[in-house]
Amino acid sequence: MRIAMAQGMHTIMPAEYLGEHTVERCRKIWWTIYILDREMTTLMGLPQTINDDDVLAPFPMSSDIVGKTGISRLHIKLFRIMADINRSK
């Protein structure tokens, strides 16, 4: 998570400088790391690594599998709700 953040993957990366393929790949990597981090910290009851307000990266535009995008979005919504619950304790 820290390496991805240091590379700026949690921000809106400029496609005109990096190329659309690279930016799309970084988005996929970021959201995969984000989901894994949220799942692990939630299961262990640890505080979240990054505040959701700091994540500006849009969700990847394309996906190899159509249903995979919807499932990933549901995971993200679920973990954000769980993070809100953990913060309110």
N, C-alpha and C. Protein backbone atom coordinates (compact mmCIF):
# COMPACT_ATOMS: atom_id res chain seq x y z
N MET A 1 0.84 -1.18 0.00
CA MET A 1 0.00 0.00 0.00
C MET A 1 0.88 1.25 0.00
N ARG A 2 1.90 1.25 0.82
CA ARG A 2 2.77 2.43 0.91
C ARG A 2 3.52 2.68 -0.39
N ILE A 3 4.00 1.63 -1.02
CA ILE A 3 4.72 1.79 -2.29
C ILE A 3 3.78 2.34 -3.36
N ALA A 4 2.57 1.81 -3.42
CA ALA A 4 1.58 2.29 -4.40
C ALA A 4 1.26 3.76 -4.15
N MET A 5 1.14 4.14 -2.88
CA MET A 5 0.87 5.54 -2.57
C MET A 5 2.06 6.42 -2.92
N ALA A 6 3.26 5.92 -2.68
CA ALA A 6 4.46 6.70 -3.02
C ALA A 6 4.56 6.92 -4.53
N GLN A 7 4.04 5.97 -5.31
CA GLN A 7 4.04 6.11 -6.76
C GLN A 7 2.87 6.96 -7.27
N GLY A 8 1.98 7.35 -6.36
CA GLY A 8 0.85 8.20 -6.73
C GLY A 8 -0.31 7.46 -7.35
N MET A 9 -0.39 6.16 -7.14
CA MET A 9 -1.46 5.38 -7.74
C MET A 9 -2.83 5.71 -7.16
N HIS A 10 -2.87 6.32 -5.99
CA HIS A 10 -4.15 6.67 -5.37
C HIS A 10 -4.69 8.00 -5.88
N THR A 11 -3.96 8.64 -6.77
CA THR A 11 -4.37 9.92 -7.33
C THR A 11 -4.83 9.75 -8.77
N ILE A 12 -5.22 10.85 -9.37
CA ILE A 12 -5.57 10.84 -10.79
C ILE A 12 -4.26 10.98 -11.57
N MET A 13 -3.83 9.90 -12.18
CA MET A 13 -2.56 9.90 -12.89
C MET A 13 -2.74 10.47 -14.30
N PRO A 14 -1.81 11.31 -14.77
CA PRO A 14 -1.97 11.96 -16.07
C PRO A 14 -1.67 10.99 -17.23
N ALA A 15 -2.68 10.65 -18.00
CA ALA A 15 -2.52 9.72 -19.13
C ALA A 15 -1.70 10.33 -20.25
N GLU A 16 -1.72 11.65 -20.36
CA GLU A 16 -0.97 12.29 -21.45
C GLU A 16 0.54 12.16 -21.26
N TYR A 17 0.99 11.98 -20.03
CA TYR A 17 2.42 11.81 -19.77
C TYR A 17 2.82 10.35 -19.62
N LEU A 18 1.95 9.56 -19.06
CA LEU A 18 2.29 8.17 -18.75
C LEU A 18 1.77 7.18 -19.78
N GLY A 19 0.79 7.56 -20.54
CA GLY A 19 0.17 6.66 -21.50
C GLY A 19 -1.06 6.01 -20.89
N GLU A 20 -2.08 5.83 -21.72
CA GLU A 20 -3.35 5.29 -21.25
C GLU A 20 -3.20 3.86 -20.72
N HIS A 21 -2.39 3.06 -21.38
CA HIS A 21 -2.19 1.67 -20.94
C HIS A 21 -1.56 1.61 -19.55
N THR A 22 -0.56 2.43 -19.31
CA THR A 22 0.11 2.46 -18.01
C THR A 22 -0.84 2.95 -16.92
N VAL A 23 -1.60 3.98 -17.21
CA VAL A 23 -2.53 4.53 -16.23
C VAL A 23 -3.60 3.50 -15.90
N GLU A 24 -4.13 2.82 -16.90
CA GLU A 24 -5.16 1.80 -16.66
C GLU A 24 -4.61 0.65 -15.84
N ARG A 25 -3.40 0.26 -16.12
CA ARG A 25 -2.76 -0.82 -15.35
C ARG A 25 -2.54 -0.39 -13.90
N CYS A 26 -2.11 0.84 -13.69
CA CYS A 26 -1.92 1.36 -12.33
C CYS A 26 -3.23 1.43 -11.57
N ARG A 27 -4.32 1.77 -12.26
CA ARG A 27 -5.64 1.79 -11.61
C ARG A 27 -6.03 0.39 -11.14
N LYS A 28 -5.82 -0.60 -12.01
CA LYS A 28 -6.14 -1.98 -11.64
C LYS A 28 -5.30 -2.43 -10.45
N ILE A 29 -4.02 -2.09 -10.48
CA ILE A 29 -3.13 -2.45 -9.37
C ILE A 29 -3.59 -1.75 -8.09
N TRP A 30 -3.88 -0.45 -8.17
CA TRP A 30 -4.29 0.30 -6.99
C TRP A 30 -5.53 -0.30 -6.35
N TRP A 31 -6.57 -0.55 -7.15
CA TRP A 31 -7.82 -1.03 -6.57
C TRP A 31 -7.70 -2.45 -6.05
N THR A 32 -6.82 -3.24 -6.63
CA THR A 32 -6.55 -4.58 -6.10
C THR A 32 -5.89 -4.47 -4.73
N ILE A 33 -4.88 -3.62 -4.63
CA ILE A 33 -4.19 -3.40 -3.35
C ILE A 33 -5.16 -2.84 -2.32
N TYR A 34 -5.99 -1.90 -2.73
CA TYR A 34 -6.95 -1.27 -1.83
C TYR A 34 -7.90 -2.32 -1.25
N ILE A 35 -8.45 -3.16 -2.11
CA ILE A 35 -9.39 -4.19 -1.65
C ILE A 35 -8.70 -5.16 -0.69
N LEU A 36 -7.50 -5.60 -1.04
CA LEU A 36 -6.77 -6.52 -0.16
C LEU A 36 -6.44 -5.88 1.18
N ASP A 37 -6.01 -4.62 1.15
CA ASP A 37 -5.69 -3.91 2.39
C ASP A 37 -6.92 -3.76 3.27
N ARG A 38 -8.04 -3.37 2.68
CA ARG A 38 -9.26 -3.20 3.46
C ARG A 38 -9.73 -4.52 4.05
N GLU A 39 -9.64 -5.57 3.27
CA GLU A 39 -10.07 -6.88 3.75
C GLU A 39 -9.22 -7.32 4.93
N MET A 40 -7.91 -7.20 4.82
CA MET A 40 -7.01 -7.65 5.88
C MET A 40 -7.16 -6.79 7.14
N THR A 41 -7.21 -5.47 6.99
CA THR A 41 -7.32 -4.62 8.17
C THR A 41 -8.67 -4.80 8.86
N THR A 42 -9.72 -5.01 8.08
CA THR A 42 -11.05 -5.22 8.67
C THR A 42 -11.10 -6.55 9.42
N LEU A 43 -10.55 -7.59 8.82
CA LEU A 43 -10.56 -8.90 9.47
C LEU A 43 -9.74 -8.92 10.75
N MET A 44 -8.66 -8.14 10.79
CA MET A 44 -7.82 -8.11 11.97
C MET A 44 -8.24 -7.04 12.98
N GLY A 45 -9.19 -6.19 12.59
CA GLY A 45 -9.65 -5.14 13.49
C GLY A 45 -8.66 -3.99 13.63
N LEU A 46 -7.82 -3.79 12.64
CA LEU A 46 -6.81 -2.73 12.68
C LEU A 46 -7.38 -1.44 12.07
N PRO A 47 -6.76 -0.30 12.38
CA PRO A 47 -7.20 0.94 11.75
C PRO A 47 -6.85 0.95 10.26
N GLN A 48 -7.62 1.69 9.50
CA GLN A 48 -7.41 1.75 8.05
C GLN A 48 -6.09 2.45 7.73
N THR A 49 -5.43 1.98 6.68
CA THR A 49 -4.15 2.53 6.26
C THR A 49 -4.29 3.92 5.67
N ILE A 50 -5.35 4.12 4.90
CA ILE A 50 -5.55 5.40 4.21
C ILE A 50 -7.00 5.82 4.36
N ASN A 51 -7.22 7.11 4.48
CA ASN A 51 -8.56 7.65 4.57
C ASN A 51 -9.18 7.64 3.17
N ASP A 52 -10.45 7.28 3.07
CA ASP A 52 -11.12 7.21 1.77
C ASP A 52 -11.16 8.55 1.05
N ASP A 53 -11.13 9.63 1.79
CA ASP A 53 -11.15 10.96 1.17
C ASP A 53 -9.86 11.26 0.41
N ASP A 54 -8.78 10.54 0.73
CA ASP A 54 -7.51 10.74 0.07
C ASP A 54 -7.37 9.95 -1.23
N VAL A 55 -8.29 9.05 -1.48
CA VAL A 55 -8.24 8.22 -2.70
C VAL A 55 -9.00 8.95 -3.80
N LEU A 56 -8.28 9.35 -4.83
CA LEU A 56 -8.86 10.08 -5.95
C LEU A 56 -8.86 9.26 -7.23
N ALA A 57 -8.21 8.11 -7.22
CA ALA A 57 -8.08 7.30 -8.42
C ALA A 57 -9.44 6.79 -8.89
N PRO A 58 -9.75 7.02 -10.16
CA PRO A 58 -11.01 6.46 -10.67
C PRO A 58 -10.90 4.95 -10.82
N PHE A 59 -12.02 4.30 -10.84
CA PHE A 59 -12.04 2.85 -11.02
C PHE A 59 -11.63 2.55 -12.46
N PRO A 60 -10.95 1.42 -12.70
CA PRO A 60 -10.54 1.09 -14.08
C PRO A 60 -11.72 1.09 -15.04
N MET A 61 -11.47 1.55 -16.26
CA MET A 61 -12.54 1.64 -17.24
C MET A 61 -12.89 0.28 -17.84
N SER A 62 -11.90 -0.53 -18.08
CA SER A 62 -12.15 -1.81 -18.71
C SER A 62 -11.75 -2.93 -17.78
N SER A 63 -12.33 -4.07 -18.05
CA SER A 63 -11.99 -5.25 -17.28
C SER A 63 -12.00 -6.44 -18.22
N ASP A 64 -11.15 -7.41 -17.95
CA ASP A 64 -11.09 -8.60 -18.78
C ASP A 64 -12.37 -9.42 -18.65
N ILE A 65 -12.93 -9.43 -17.46
CA ILE A 65 -14.15 -10.18 -17.20
C ILE A 65 -15.23 -9.18 -16.80
N VAL A 66 -16.37 -9.22 -17.45
CA VAL A 66 -17.42 -8.22 -17.23
C VAL A 66 -17.88 -8.21 -15.77
N GLY A 67 -18.14 -9.35 -15.17
CA GLY A 67 -18.64 -9.42 -13.81
C GLY A 67 -17.64 -9.02 -12.76
N LYS A 68 -16.36 -9.08 -13.09
CA LYS A 68 -15.30 -8.77 -12.14
C LYS A 68 -15.35 -7.32 -11.69
N THR A 69 -15.69 -6.42 -12.59
CA THR A 69 -15.77 -5.00 -12.25
C THR A 69 -16.87 -4.76 -11.23
N GLY A 70 -18.03 -5.35 -11.45
CA GLY A 70 -19.14 -5.18 -10.52
C GLY A 70 -18.83 -5.74 -9.14
N ILE A 71 -18.19 -6.89 -9.10
CA ILE A 71 -17.82 -7.50 -7.83
C ILE A 71 -16.81 -6.63 -7.09
N SER A 72 -15.85 -6.10 -7.80
CA SER A 72 -14.85 -5.23 -7.17
C SER A 72 -15.50 -3.98 -6.61
N ARG A 73 -16.42 -3.40 -7.33
CA ARG A 73 -17.12 -2.21 -6.84
C ARG A 73 -17.91 -2.53 -5.57
N LEU A 74 -18.55 -3.69 -5.54
CA LEU A 74 -19.29 -4.10 -4.34
C LEU A 74 -18.35 -4.30 -3.16
N HIS A 75 -17.18 -4.90 -3.39
CA HIS A 75 -16.20 -5.05 -2.33
C HIS A 75 -15.79 -3.70 -1.76
N ILE A 76 -15.54 -2.75 -2.64
CA ILE A 76 -15.10 -1.43 -2.20
C ILE A 76 -16.19 -0.75 -1.37
N LYS A 77 -17.44 -0.82 -1.84
CA LYS A 77 -18.54 -0.23 -1.08
C LYS A 77 -18.68 -0.89 0.30
N LEU A 78 -18.58 -2.21 0.32
CA LEU A 78 -18.69 -2.94 1.58
C LEU A 78 -17.59 -2.55 2.55
N PHE A 79 -16.35 -2.49 2.09
CA PHE A 79 -15.24 -2.15 2.98
C PHE A 79 -15.30 -0.70 3.43
N ARG A 80 -15.83 0.20 2.61
CA ARG A 80 -15.99 1.59 3.05
C ARG A 80 -17.04 1.69 4.14
N ILE A 81 -18.10 0.92 4.02
CA ILE A 81 -19.12 0.89 5.07
C ILE A 81 -18.53 0.33 6.36
N MET A 82 -17.76 -0.76 6.24
CA MET A 82 -17.13 -1.36 7.41
C MET A 82 -16.13 -0.39 8.05
N ALA A 83 -15.42 0.38 7.24
CA ALA A 83 -14.48 1.36 7.78
C ALA A 83 -15.22 2.44 8.56
N ASP A 84 -16.37 2.87 8.04
CA ASP A 84 -17.19 3.86 8.76
C ASP A 84 -17.65 3.32 10.10
N ILE A 85 -18.05 2.05 10.11
CA ILE A 85 -18.49 1.42 11.35
C ILE A 85 -17.34 1.35 12.34
N ASN A 86 -16.16 0.94 11.88
CA ASN A 86 -14.99 0.84 12.76
C ASN A 86 -14.57 2.19 13.32
N ARG A 87 -14.70 3.24 12.50
CA ARG A 87 -14.33 4.59 12.95
C ARG A 87 -15.30 5.11 14.00
N SER A 88 -16.55 4.68 13.92
CA SER A 88 -17.56 5.21 14.84
C SER A 88 -17.54 4.57 16.22
N LYS A 89 -16.75 3.52 16.40
CA LYS A 89 -16.69 2.82 17.71
C LYS A 89 -15.99 3.68 18.74
